[in-house]
Amino acid sequence: MLHNEWNGSGSGYFLEYAKILYTGQTRYQSIALYESHQFGKILVLDGCIQVIESDEYHYHEPMVHLPLLMHQNPEHVCIIGGGDGGILREVCKYQAVKTIDMVELDGEVIQFSQKYFPEIASGSFADARLSLTIGDGRSYIERTTKRYDVIIMDMTDPFGPSVMLYTREFFTAVKEKLRNAESLFIMHSESPKFRPMTFSSIHATLSTVFNDVVPCFHTIAMYGGLWSFALCSPGQNIIIPEERVLTKKLEALGPLKVITPDSYKSKFICEPWIKSLLVSNTKIITDADHGFLDLFPENAQQSF
């Protein structure tokens, strides 16, 4: 059996699986679990692959360690989304972190992941530093009085439940919840190869809010190839830590599968063709746009 998925408006990829372990519907989205001989278990939400058992670290490690290794003392962290627990697992590796506030819209995804993917969270939901809220991430950010050193947003693609997490108004609210000029915000920003207009528009929108927005890159097979992250600072230019600093911090974390001092620095390499995308499309996404599908049909990622 094959799971087929669009990368963009004119290309896609397939993944073979041996059997369907579960299909159902949460309050917010469809949910399915496949078993693959090559990749292990595969979590699919609304027809789009979210987590592959064998490859999940290719997404979770960069998302967490790019900002947390850069911040000098990340004591207070907020995670928006991330119901499978992979982001939380990586954050929990930092002894300097004192509090972790996690906000997940779909509590059924957490329950499902804990049942079928317990190895991804690796017990991190029991960490005493965690405060878990089941609710809308945007509402939480707009209402909370807390301030954070690092905010990590691990959401689905810009349609469906996550559509209003990609707007200038929301990014402004995020900036207001960062503690100081050294704080950092990170989110995924789609594929510059397969969804170039969406990628560039996300970065253009972030740049109207944050002082510095730096694109970062990693190849993630479970999302079809080259993927990107946006690392944002409210008050200072982002500077990659020196190798000796990275080495010392990484030694304290224990072995990782993706991040080393060299690979960390490589995530910030922005090739000329990608730089041209960042200046060619300056469409700013606002609440009035109500999402990306009408703006950028390339984002209509569905199974086929």
C-alpha atoms as a PDB file:
ATOM      1  CA  MET A   1       0.000   0.000   0.000  1.00  0.00           C
ATOM      2  CA  LEU A   2       1.157   3.514  -0.781  1.00  0.00           C
ATOM      3  CA  HIS A   3       0.754   6.856   0.941  1.00  0.00           C
ATOM      4  CA  ASN A   4       1.080   9.567  -1.722  1.00  0.00           C
ATOM      5  CA  GLU A   5       1.508  13.217  -0.827  1.00  0.00           C
ATOM      6  CA  TRP A   6       1.933  16.496  -2.677  1.00  0.00           C
ATOM      7  CA  ASN A   7       5.120  18.452  -2.009  1.00  0.00           C
ATOM      8  CA  GLY A   8       3.790  21.484  -3.836  1.00  0.00           C
ATOM      9  CA  SER A   9       1.465  22.299  -6.695  1.00  0.00           C
ATOM     10  CA  GLY A  10       3.158  20.035  -9.242  1.00  0.00           C
ATOM     11  CA  SER A  11       5.197  17.388  -7.447  1.00  0.00           C
ATOM     12  CA  GLY A  12       4.947  14.860  -4.683  1.00  0.00           C
ATOM     13  CA  TYR A  13       6.300  11.657  -3.211  1.00  0.00           C
ATOM     14  CA  PHE A  14       5.118   8.276  -2.072  1.00  0.00           C
ATOM     15  CA  LEU A  15       5.851   6.054   0.884  1.00  0.00           C
ATOM     16  CA  GLU A  16       5.083   2.346   1.052  1.00  0.00           C
ATOM     17  CA  TYR A  17       3.522   0.950   4.197  1.00  0.00           C
ATOM     18  CA  ALA A  18       2.658  -2.607   5.135  1.00  0.00           C
ATOM     19  CA  LYS A  19      -0.565  -2.088   7.069  1.00  0.00           C
ATOM     20  CA  ILE A  20      -2.906   0.439   8.637  1.00  0.00           C
ATOM     21  CA  LEU A  21      -2.814   0.285  12.428  1.00  0.00           C
ATOM     22  CA  TYR A  22      -5.443   2.939  13.091  1.00  0.00           C
ATOM     23  CA  THR A  23      -7.675   5.501  11.411  1.00  0.00           C
ATOM     24  CA  GLY A  24      -9.983   7.909  13.156  1.00  0.00           C
ATOM     25  CA  GLN A  25     -10.993  11.493  13.795  1.00  0.00           C
ATOM     26  CA  THR A  26     -10.109  13.796  16.670  1.00  0.00           C
ATOM     27  CA  ARG A  27     -12.080  16.931  17.439  1.00  0.00           C
ATOM     28  CA  TYR A  28      -9.872  18.919  15.069  1.00  0.00           C
ATOM     29  CA  GLN A  29      -8.413  16.619  12.408  1.00  0.00           C
ATOM     30  CA  SER A  30      -8.252  13.145  10.917  1.00  0.00           C
ATOM     31  CA  ILE A  31      -5.586  10.872  12.379  1.00  0.00           C
ATOM     32  CA  ALA A  32      -4.032   7.684  11.025  1.00  0.00           C
ATOM     33  CA  LEU A  33      -1.202   5.345  11.915  1.00  0.00           C
ATOM     34  CA  TYR A  34       0.638   3.211   9.366  1.00  0.00           C
ATOM     35  CA  GLU A  35       3.286   0.533   9.803  1.00  0.00           C
ATOM     36  CA  SER A  36       6.205   0.562   7.372  1.00  0.00           C
ATOM     37  CA  HIS A  37       8.936  -2.072   7.084  1.00  0.00           C
ATOM     38  CA  GLN A  38      11.488   0.594   6.146  1.00  0.00           C
ATOM     39  CA  PHE A  39      10.505   3.487   8.411  1.00  0.00           C
ATOM     40  CA  GLY A  40       8.544   1.998  11.310  1.00  0.00           C
ATOM     41  CA  LYS A  41       5.359   3.702  12.479  1.00  0.00           C
ATOM     42  CA  ILE A  42       4.043   6.743  10.601  1.00  0.00           C
ATOM     43  CA  LEU A  43       1.658   9.345  12.051  1.00  0.00           C
ATOM     44  CA  VAL A  44      -0.576  11.106   9.503  1.00  0.00           C
ATOM     45  CA  LEU A  45      -2.817  14.096  10.323  1.00  0.00           C
ATOM     46  CA  ASP A  46      -5.327  15.384   7.776  1.00  0.00           C
ATOM     47  CA  GLY A  47      -3.618  13.319   5.090  1.00  0.00           C
ATOM     48  CA  CYS A  48      -0.138  14.761   5.752  1.00  0.00           C
ATOM     49  CA  ILE A  49       2.774  12.916   7.341  1.00  0.00           C
ATOM     50  CA  GLN A  50       3.689  14.438  10.703  1.00  0.00           C
ATOM     51  CA  VAL A  51       6.064  11.920  12.284  1.00  0.00           C
ATOM     52  CA  ILE A  52       8.004   8.927  11.012  1.00  0.00           C
ATOM     53  CA  GLU A  53       9.414   6.765  13.775  1.00  0.00           C
ATOM     54  CA  SER A  54      12.826   6.249  12.204  1.00  0.00           C
ATOM     55  CA  ASP A  55      13.352   9.865  11.070  1.00  0.00           C
ATOM     56  CA  GLU A  56      11.680  12.098  13.668  1.00  0.00           C
ATOM     57  CA  TYR A  57      14.981  13.417  15.062  1.00  0.00           C
ATOM     58  CA  HIS A  58      15.728  15.138  11.731  1.00  0.00           C
ATOM     59  CA  TYR A  59      12.983  17.612  12.622  1.00  0.00           C
ATOM     60  CA  HIS A  60      13.026  17.719  16.408  1.00  0.00           C
ATOM     61  CA  GLU A  61      16.753  18.188  16.962  1.00  0.00           C
ATOM     62  CA  PRO A  62      17.259  21.259  14.729  1.00  0.00           C
ATOM     63  CA  MET A  63      14.047  22.887  15.944  1.00  0.00           C
ATOM     64  CA  VAL A  64      15.185  22.738  19.576  1.00  0.00           C
ATOM     65  CA  HIS A  65      18.957  22.939  19.504  1.00  0.00           C
ATOM     66  CA  LEU A  66      19.314  25.813  17.041  1.00  0.00           C
ATOM     67  CA  PRO A  67      17.843  28.303  19.555  1.00  0.00           C
ATOM     68  CA  LEU A  68      18.735  26.632  22.855  1.00  0.00           C
ATOM     69  CA  LEU A  69      22.416  26.222  22.020  1.00  0.00           C
ATOM     70  CA  MET A  70      22.495  29.850  20.903  1.00  0.00           C
ATOM     71  CA  HIS A  71      20.845  31.313  24.009  1.00  0.00           C
ATOM     72  CA  GLN A  72      23.264  31.918  26.873  1.00  0.00           C
ATOM     73  CA  ASN A  73      20.868  30.838  29.624  1.00  0.00           C
ATOM     74  CA  PRO A  74      17.514  29.446  28.444  1.00  0.00           C
ATOM     75  CA  GLU A  75      15.632  29.148  31.737  1.00  0.00           C
ATOM     76  CA  HIS A  76      12.023  29.539  30.577  1.00  0.00           C
ATOM     77  CA  VAL A  77      10.787  27.813  27.415  1.00  0.00           C
ATOM     78  CA  CYS A  78       7.385  27.710  25.742  1.00  0.00           C
ATOM     79  CA  ILE A  79       6.403  25.025  23.214  1.00  0.00           C
ATOM     80  CA  ILE A  80       3.392  25.671  20.994  1.00  0.00           C
ATOM     81  CA  GLY A  81       2.149  22.404  19.502  1.00  0.00           C
ATOM     82  CA  GLY A  82       4.422  19.384  19.497  1.00  0.00           C
ATOM     83  CA  GLY A  83       1.878  16.835  20.675  1.00  0.00           C
ATOM     84  CA  ASP A  84       4.045  13.859  19.728  1.00  0.00           C
ATOM     85  CA  GLY A  85       6.541  14.896  22.439  1.00  0.00           C
ATOM     86  CA  GLY A  86       9.711  15.028  20.343  1.00  0.00           C
ATOM     87  CA  ILE A  87      10.315  18.747  20.888  1.00  0.00           C
ATOM     88  CA  LEU A  88       9.656  18.359  24.600  1.00  0.00           C
ATOM     89  CA  ARG A  89      12.118  15.464  24.815  1.00  0.00           C
ATOM     90  CA  GLU A  90      14.914  17.563  23.373  1.00  0.00           C
ATOM     91  CA  VAL A  91      14.149  20.609  25.545  1.00  0.00           C
ATOM     92  CA  CYS A  92      14.253  18.436  28.656  1.00  0.00           C
ATOM     93  CA  LYS A  93      17.906  17.648  27.961  1.00  0.00           C
ATOM     94  CA  TYR A  94      18.907  21.144  29.102  1.00  0.00           C
ATOM     95  CA  GLN A  95      19.596  21.364  32.820  1.00  0.00           C
ATOM     96  CA  ALA A  96      19.508  25.176  32.645  1.00  0.00           C
ATOM     97  CA  VAL A  97      15.805  25.091  31.710  1.00  0.00           C
ATOM     98  CA  LYS A  98      13.694  25.732  34.810  1.00  0.00           C
ATOM     99  CA  THR A  99      10.177  25.848  33.361  1.00  0.00           C
ATOM    100  CA  ILE A 100       8.580  24.424  30.223  1.00  0.00           C
ATOM    101  CA  ASP A 101       5.098  25.578  29.265  1.00  0.00           C
ATOM    102  CA  MET A 102       3.609  23.462  26.495  1.00  0.00           C
ATOM    103  CA  VAL A 103       0.361  24.322  24.704  1.00  0.00           C
ATOM    104  CA  GLU A 104      -1.207  21.725  22.411  1.00  0.00           C
ATOM    105  CA  LEU A 105      -4.559  22.282  20.723  1.00  0.00           C
ATOM    106  CA  ASP A 106      -5.401  18.625  20.173  1.00  0.00           C
ATOM    107  CA  GLY A 107      -5.029  16.655  23.384  1.00  0.00           C
ATOM    108  CA  GLU A 108      -5.999  13.488  21.541  1.00  0.00           C
ATOM    109  CA  VAL A 109      -2.747  13.689  19.565  1.00  0.00           C
ATOM    110  CA  ILE A 110      -0.803  13.591  22.840  1.00  0.00           C
ATOM    111  CA  GLN A 111      -2.805  10.591  24.055  1.00  0.00           C
ATOM    112  CA  PHE A 112      -2.426   8.856  20.707  1.00  0.00           C
ATOM    113  CA  SER A 113       1.319   9.478  20.572  1.00  0.00           C
ATOM    114  CA  GLN A 114       1.827   8.304  24.123  1.00  0.00           C
ATOM    115  CA  LYS A 115       0.027   5.081  23.268  1.00  0.00           C
ATOM    116  CA  TYR A 116       1.648   4.336  19.910  1.00  0.00           C
ATOM    117  CA  PHE A 117       4.907   6.391  19.980  1.00  0.00           C
ATOM    118  CA  PRO A 118       6.045   6.443  23.630  1.00  0.00           C
ATOM    119  CA  GLU A 119       9.679   6.288  22.540  1.00  0.00           C
ATOM    120  CA  ILE A 120       9.444   9.732  20.904  1.00  0.00           C
ATOM    121  CA  ALA A 121       8.589  11.559  24.127  1.00  0.00           C
ATOM    122  CA  SER A 122      10.802   9.155  26.118  1.00  0.00           C
ATOM    123  CA  GLY A 123       9.047   9.957  29.381  1.00  0.00           C
ATOM    124  CA  SER A 124       9.378  13.733  29.025  1.00  0.00           C
ATOM    125  CA  PHE A 125       5.706  14.368  29.788  1.00  0.00           C
ATOM    126  CA  ALA A 126       6.520  13.305  33.358  1.00  0.00           C
ATOM    127  CA  ASP A 127       9.251  15.954  33.726  1.00  0.00           C
ATOM    128  CA  ALA A 128       8.533  18.092  36.809  1.00  0.00           C
ATOM    129  CA  ARG A 129       9.396  21.287  34.910  1.00  0.00           C
ATOM    130  CA  LEU A 130       6.518  20.798  32.478  1.00  0.00           C
ATOM    131  CA  SER A 131       3.218  22.661  32.644  1.00  0.00           C
ATOM    132  CA  LEU A 132       0.884  21.304  29.952  1.00  0.00           C
ATOM    133  CA  THR A 133      -2.098  23.247  28.620  1.00  0.00           C
ATOM    134  CA  ILE A 134      -4.613  21.713  26.231  1.00  0.00           C
ATOM    135  CA  GLY A 135      -5.879  24.635  24.208  1.00  0.00           C
ATOM    136  CA  ASP A 136      -5.288  27.044  21.369  1.00  0.00           C
ATOM    137  CA  GLY A 137      -1.695  28.240  21.148  1.00  0.00           C
ATOM    138  CA  ARG A 138      -2.623  31.661  19.842  1.00  0.00           C
ATOM    139  CA  SER A 139      -5.104  32.293  22.630  1.00  0.00           C
ATOM    140  CA  TYR A 140      -2.527  31.195  25.186  1.00  0.00           C
ATOM    141  CA  ILE A 141       0.155  33.540  23.847  1.00  0.00           C
ATOM    142  CA  GLU A 142      -2.243  36.479  23.659  1.00  0.00           C
ATOM    143  CA  ARG A 143      -3.509  35.999  27.213  1.00  0.00           C
ATOM    144  CA  THR A 144      -0.526  34.799  29.237  1.00  0.00           C
ATOM    145  CA  THR A 145       1.458  37.214  31.401  1.00  0.00           C
ATOM    146  CA  LYS A 146       4.531  34.961  31.345  1.00  0.00           C
ATOM    147  CA  ARG A 147       7.709  35.815  29.455  1.00  0.00           C
ATOM    148  CA  TYR A 148      10.073  33.322  27.846  1.00  0.00           C
ATOM    149  CA  ASP A 149      13.703  33.005  26.844  1.00  0.00           C
ATOM    150  CA  VAL A 150      12.820  30.706  23.954  1.00  0.00           C
ATOM    151  CA  ILE A 151       9.503  30.058  22.222  1.00  0.00           C
ATOM    152  CA  ILE A 152       9.342  27.046  19.898  1.00  0.00           C
ATOM    153  CA  MET A 153       6.368  26.681  17.593  1.00  0.00           C
ATOM    154  CA  ASP A 154       5.851  23.156  16.238  1.00  0.00           C
ATOM    155  CA  MET A 155       2.629  23.354  14.279  1.00  0.00           C
ATOM    156  CA  THR A 156       1.118  21.718  11.226  1.00  0.00           C
ATOM    157  CA  ASP A 157       1.204  23.326   7.768  1.00  0.00           C
ATOM    158  CA  PRO A 158      -0.522  26.697   7.194  1.00  0.00           C
ATOM    159  CA  PHE A 159      -4.047  25.452   6.725  1.00  0.00           C
ATOM    160  CA  GLY A 160      -6.541  23.738   8.998  1.00  0.00           C
ATOM    161  CA  PRO A 161      -6.062  24.149  12.777  1.00  0.00           C
ATOM    162  CA  SER A 162      -2.781  26.078  12.463  1.00  0.00           C
ATOM    163  CA  VAL A 163      -3.827  28.647   9.889  1.00  0.00           C
ATOM    164  CA  MET A 164      -3.884  31.658  12.239  1.00  0.00           C
ATOM    165  CA  LEU A 165      -0.423  30.924  13.624  1.00  0.00           C
ATOM    166  CA  TYR A 166       1.261  32.325  10.506  1.00  0.00           C
ATOM    167  CA  THR A 167       0.115  35.946  10.641  1.00  0.00           C
ATOM    168  CA  ARG A 168       1.813  39.232  11.511  1.00  0.00           C
ATOM    169  CA  GLU A 169      -0.643  39.798  14.340  1.00  0.00           C
ATOM    170  CA  PHE A 170       0.252  36.510  15.973  1.00  0.00           C
ATOM    171  CA  PHE A 171       3.994  37.012  15.508  1.00  0.00           C
ATOM    172  CA  THR A 172       3.615  40.390  17.215  1.00  0.00           C
ATOM    173  CA  ALA A 173       1.990  38.692  20.192  1.00  0.00           C
ATOM    174  CA  VAL A 174       4.836  36.150  20.299  1.00  0.00           C
ATOM    175  CA  LYS A 175       7.437  38.923  20.338  1.00  0.00           C
ATOM    176  CA  GLU A 176       5.701  40.562  23.286  1.00  0.00           C
ATOM    177  CA  LYS A 177       6.030  37.339  25.285  1.00  0.00           C
ATOM    178  CA  LEU A 178       9.802  37.113  24.904  1.00  0.00           C
ATOM    179  CA  ARG A 179      11.729  38.164  28.025  1.00  0.00           C
ATOM    180  CA  ASN A 180      14.371  40.431  26.517  1.00  0.00           C
ATOM    181  CA  ALA A 181      16.492  41.259  23.474  1.00  0.00           C
ATOM    182  CA  GLU A 182      18.441  37.996  23.796  1.00  0.00           C
ATOM    183  CA  SER A 183      15.325  35.810  23.639  1.00  0.00           C
ATOM    184  CA  LEU A 184      14.653  33.674  20.558  1.00  0.00           C
ATOM    185  CA  PHE A 185      11.660  32.383  18.620  1.00  0.00           C
ATOM    186  CA  ILE A 186      11.786  29.501  16.124  1.00  0.00           C
ATOM    187  CA  MET A 187       9.222  27.960  13.799  1.00  0.00           C
ATOM    188  CA  HIS A 188       9.329  25.813  10.690  1.00  0.00           C
ATOM    189  CA  SER A 189       8.930  27.787   7.479  1.00  0.00           C
ATOM    190  CA  GLU A 190       8.120  25.172   4.852  1.00  0.00           C
ATOM    191  CA  SER A 191      10.300  24.126   1.899  1.00  0.00           C
ATOM    192  CA  PRO A 192      12.000  26.787  -0.232  1.00  0.00           C
ATOM    193  CA  LYS A 193      12.201  24.225  -3.033  1.00  0.00           C
ATOM    194  CA  PHE A 194       8.621  22.993  -3.165  1.00  0.00           C
ATOM    195  CA  ARG A 195       6.725  25.901  -1.578  1.00  0.00           C
ATOM    196  CA  PRO A 196       8.897  28.920  -2.401  1.00  0.00           C
ATOM    197  CA  MET A 197       6.183  31.568  -2.163  1.00  0.00           C
ATOM    198  CA  THR A 198       5.031  30.291   1.210  1.00  0.00           C
ATOM    199  CA  PHE A 199       8.608  30.104   2.486  1.00  0.00           C
ATOM    200  CA  SER A 200       9.471  33.623   1.422  1.00  0.00           C
ATOM    201  CA  SER A 201       6.191  35.091   2.644  1.00  0.00           C
ATOM    202  CA  ILE A 202       6.637  33.597   6.114  1.00  0.00           C
ATOM    203  CA  HIS A 203      10.078  35.182   6.345  1.00  0.00           C
ATOM    204  CA  ALA A 204       8.828  38.504   4.970  1.00  0.00           C
ATOM    205  CA  THR A 205       6.044  38.554   7.549  1.00  0.00           C
ATOM    206  CA  LEU A 206       8.370  37.681  10.418  1.00  0.00           C
ATOM    207  CA  SER A 207      10.760  40.433   9.300  1.00  0.00           C
ATOM    208  CA  THR A 208       8.074  43.069   9.855  1.00  0.00           C
ATOM    209  CA  VAL A 209       7.990  42.055  13.533  1.00  0.00           C
ATOM    210  CA  PHE A 210      11.450  40.846  14.591  1.00  0.00           C
ATOM    211  CA  ASN A 211      14.762  42.680  14.389  1.00  0.00           C
ATOM    212  CA  ASP A 212      16.569  39.684  12.889  1.00  0.00           C
ATOM    213  CA  VAL A 213      15.104  36.678  11.054  1.00  0.00           C
ATOM    214  CA  VAL A 214      17.543  34.008   9.915  1.00  0.00           C
ATOM    215  CA  PRO A 215      16.560  31.057   7.693  1.00  0.00           C
ATOM    216  CA  CYS A 216      18.011  27.663   8.627  1.00  0.00           C
ATOM    217  CA  PHE A 217      17.916  24.477   6.573  1.00  0.00           C
ATOM    218  CA  HIS A 218      17.913  20.720   6.941  1.00  0.00           C
ATOM    219  CA  THR A 219      16.908  17.834   4.682  1.00  0.00           C
ATOM    220  CA  ILE A 220      13.940  16.020   6.192  1.00  0.00           C
ATOM    221  CA  ALA A 221      12.896  12.953   4.213  1.00  0.00           C
ATOM    222  CA  MET A 222       9.542  12.590   5.995  1.00  0.00           C
ATOM    223  CA  TYR A 223       8.577  16.040   4.636  1.00  0.00           C
ATOM    224  CA  GLY A 224       9.805  15.341   1.127  1.00  0.00           C
ATOM    225  CA  GLY A 225      13.284  16.908   1.061  1.00  0.00           C
ATOM    226  CA  LEU A 226      14.788  20.310   1.850  1.00  0.00           C
ATOM    227  CA  TRP A 227      13.034  21.958   4.780  1.00  0.00           C
ATOM    228  CA  SER A 228      13.505  25.265   6.567  1.00  0.00           C
ATOM    229  CA  PHE A 229      13.230  26.947   9.950  1.00  0.00           C
ATOM    230  CA  ALA A 230      13.002  30.635  10.831  1.00  0.00           C
ATOM    231  CA  LEU A 231      15.087  31.685  13.834  1.00  0.00           C
ATOM    232  CA  CYS A 232      14.048  35.110  15.107  1.00  0.00           C
ATOM    233  CA  SER A 233      15.412  37.650  17.568  1.00  0.00           C
ATOM    234  CA  PRO A 234      13.430  40.649  18.858  1.00  0.00           C
ATOM    235  CA  GLY A 235      16.322  42.924  19.651  1.00  0.00           C
ATOM    236  CA  GLN A 236      19.722  41.878  18.365  1.00  0.00           C
ATOM    237  CA  ASN A 237      21.446  40.313  15.387  1.00  0.00           C
ATOM    238  CA  ILE A 238      21.696  36.534  15.572  1.00  0.00           C
ATOM    239  CA  ILE A 239      25.283  35.340  15.988  1.00  0.00           C
ATOM    240  CA  ILE A 240      26.355  31.699  15.699  1.00  0.00           C
ATOM    241  CA  PRO A 241      28.187  30.604  18.882  1.00  0.00           C
ATOM    242  CA  GLU A 242      31.896  29.862  18.729  1.00  0.00           C
ATOM    243  CA  GLU A 243      32.874  26.226  18.208  1.00  0.00           C
ATOM    244  CA  ARG A 244      34.317  25.851  21.724  1.00  0.00           C
ATOM    245  CA  VAL A 245      31.025  27.078  23.198  1.00  0.00           C
ATOM    246  CA  LEU A 246      29.011  24.689  21.062  1.00  0.00           C
ATOM    247  CA  THR A 247      31.311  21.793  21.944  1.00  0.00           C
ATOM    248  CA  LYS A 248      30.983  22.400  25.671  1.00  0.00           C
ATOM    249  CA  LYS A 249      27.202  22.682  25.549  1.00  0.00           C
ATOM    250  CA  LEU A 250      26.819  19.613  23.349  1.00  0.00           C
ATOM    251  CA  GLU A 251      28.974  17.530  25.689  1.00  0.00           C
ATOM    252  CA  ALA A 252      26.542  18.346  28.498  1.00  0.00           C
ATOM    253  CA  LEU A 253      23.578  17.188  26.420  1.00  0.00           C
ATOM    254  CA  GLY A 254      24.940  13.796  25.500  1.00  0.00           C
ATOM    255  CA  PRO A 255      25.011  12.297  22.005  1.00  0.00           C
ATOM    256  CA  LEU A 256      22.665  13.686  19.363  1.00  0.00           C
ATOM    257  CA  LYS A 257      21.929  12.277  15.927  1.00  0.00           C
ATOM    258  CA  VAL A 258      21.940  15.450  13.834  1.00  0.00           C
ATOM    259  CA  ILE A 259      23.651  18.284  15.694  1.00  0.00           C
ATOM    260  CA  THR A 260      27.439  18.613  16.077  1.00  0.00           C
ATOM    261  CA  PRO A 261      29.456  21.868  16.159  1.00  0.00           C
ATOM    262  CA  ASP A 262      30.039  21.578  12.405  1.00  0.00           C
ATOM    263  CA  SER A 263      26.534  20.537  11.432  1.00  0.00           C
ATOM    264  CA  TYR A 264      25.063  23.255  13.661  1.00  0.00           C
ATOM    265  CA  LYS A 265      26.915  25.941  11.713  1.00  0.00           C
ATOM    266  CA  SER A 266      25.968  24.344   8.395  1.00  0.00           C
ATOM    267  CA  LYS A 267      22.240  24.858   9.071  1.00  0.00           C
ATOM    268  CA  PHE A 268      22.752  28.606   8.568  1.00  0.00           C
ATOM    269  CA  ILE A 269      24.145  28.343   5.038  1.00  0.00           C
ATOM    270  CA  CYS A 270      21.737  30.149   2.714  1.00  0.00           C
ATOM    271  CA  GLU A 271      22.453  29.497  -0.948  1.00  0.00           C
ATOM    272  CA  PRO A 272      22.063  32.318  -3.517  1.00  0.00           C
ATOM    273  CA  TRP A 273      18.898  30.912  -5.080  1.00  0.00           C
ATOM    274  CA  ILE A 274      17.237  30.886  -1.657  1.00  0.00           C
ATOM    275  CA  LYS A 275      18.396  34.434  -0.909  1.00  0.00           C
ATOM    276  CA  SER A 276      16.733  35.522  -4.119  1.00  0.00           C
ATOM    277  CA  LEU A 277      13.430  34.040  -2.919  1.00  0.00           C
ATOM    278  CA  LEU A 278      13.636  36.104   0.249  1.00  0.00           C
ATOM    279  CA  VAL A 279      13.703  39.345  -1.716  1.00  0.00           C
ATOM    280  CA  SER A 280      11.422  38.378  -4.597  1.00  0.00           C
ATOM    281  CA  ASN A 281       8.244  37.877  -2.561  1.00  0.00           C
ATOM    282  CA  THR A 282       7.350  40.376   0.130  1.00  0.00           C
ATOM    283  CA  LYS A 283       3.707  39.421   0.656  1.00  0.00           C
ATOM    284  CA  ILE A 284       2.855  39.991   4.325  1.00  0.00           C
ATOM    285  CA  ILE A 285       0.324  37.571   5.815  1.00  0.00           C
ATOM    286  CA  THR A 286      -2.246  39.159   8.138  1.00  0.00           C
ATOM    287  CA  ASP A 287      -5.293  37.918   9.998  1.00  0.00           C
ATOM    288  CA  ALA A 288      -7.457  39.321   7.219  1.00  0.00           C
ATOM    289  CA  ASP A 289      -5.965  36.817   4.758  1.00  0.00           C
ATOM    290  CA  HIS A 290      -7.441  33.873   6.678  1.00  0.00           C
ATOM    291  CA  GLY A 291      -4.631  31.571   5.699  1.00  0.00           C
ATOM    292  CA  PHE A 292      -2.485  30.517   2.790  1.00  0.00           C
ATOM    293  CA  LEU A 293      -4.543  28.351   0.488  1.00  0.00           C
ATOM    294  CA  ASP A 294      -6.141  31.174  -1.482  1.00  0.00           C
ATOM    295  CA  LEU A 295      -2.846  33.066  -1.570  1.00  0.00           C
ATOM    296  CA  PHE A 296      -0.522  30.207  -2.454  1.00  0.00           C
ATOM    297  CA  PRO A 297      -2.125  27.094  -4.014  1.00  0.00           C
ATOM    298  CA  GLU A 298       1.305  25.435  -3.724  1.00  0.00           C
ATOM    299  CA  ASN A 299       0.458  24.872  -0.073  1.00  0.00           C
ATOM    300  CA  ALA A 300      -2.555  22.652  -0.743  1.00  0.00           C
ATOM    301  CA  GLN A 301      -0.699  19.587   0.461  1.00  0.00           C
ATOM    302  CA  GLN A 302      -2.992  16.606   0.448  1.00  0.00           C
ATOM    303  CA  SER A 303      -2.617  12.913  -0.092  1.00  0.00           C
ATOM    304  CA  PHE A 304      -3.487  11.664  -3.587  1.00  0.00           C
END
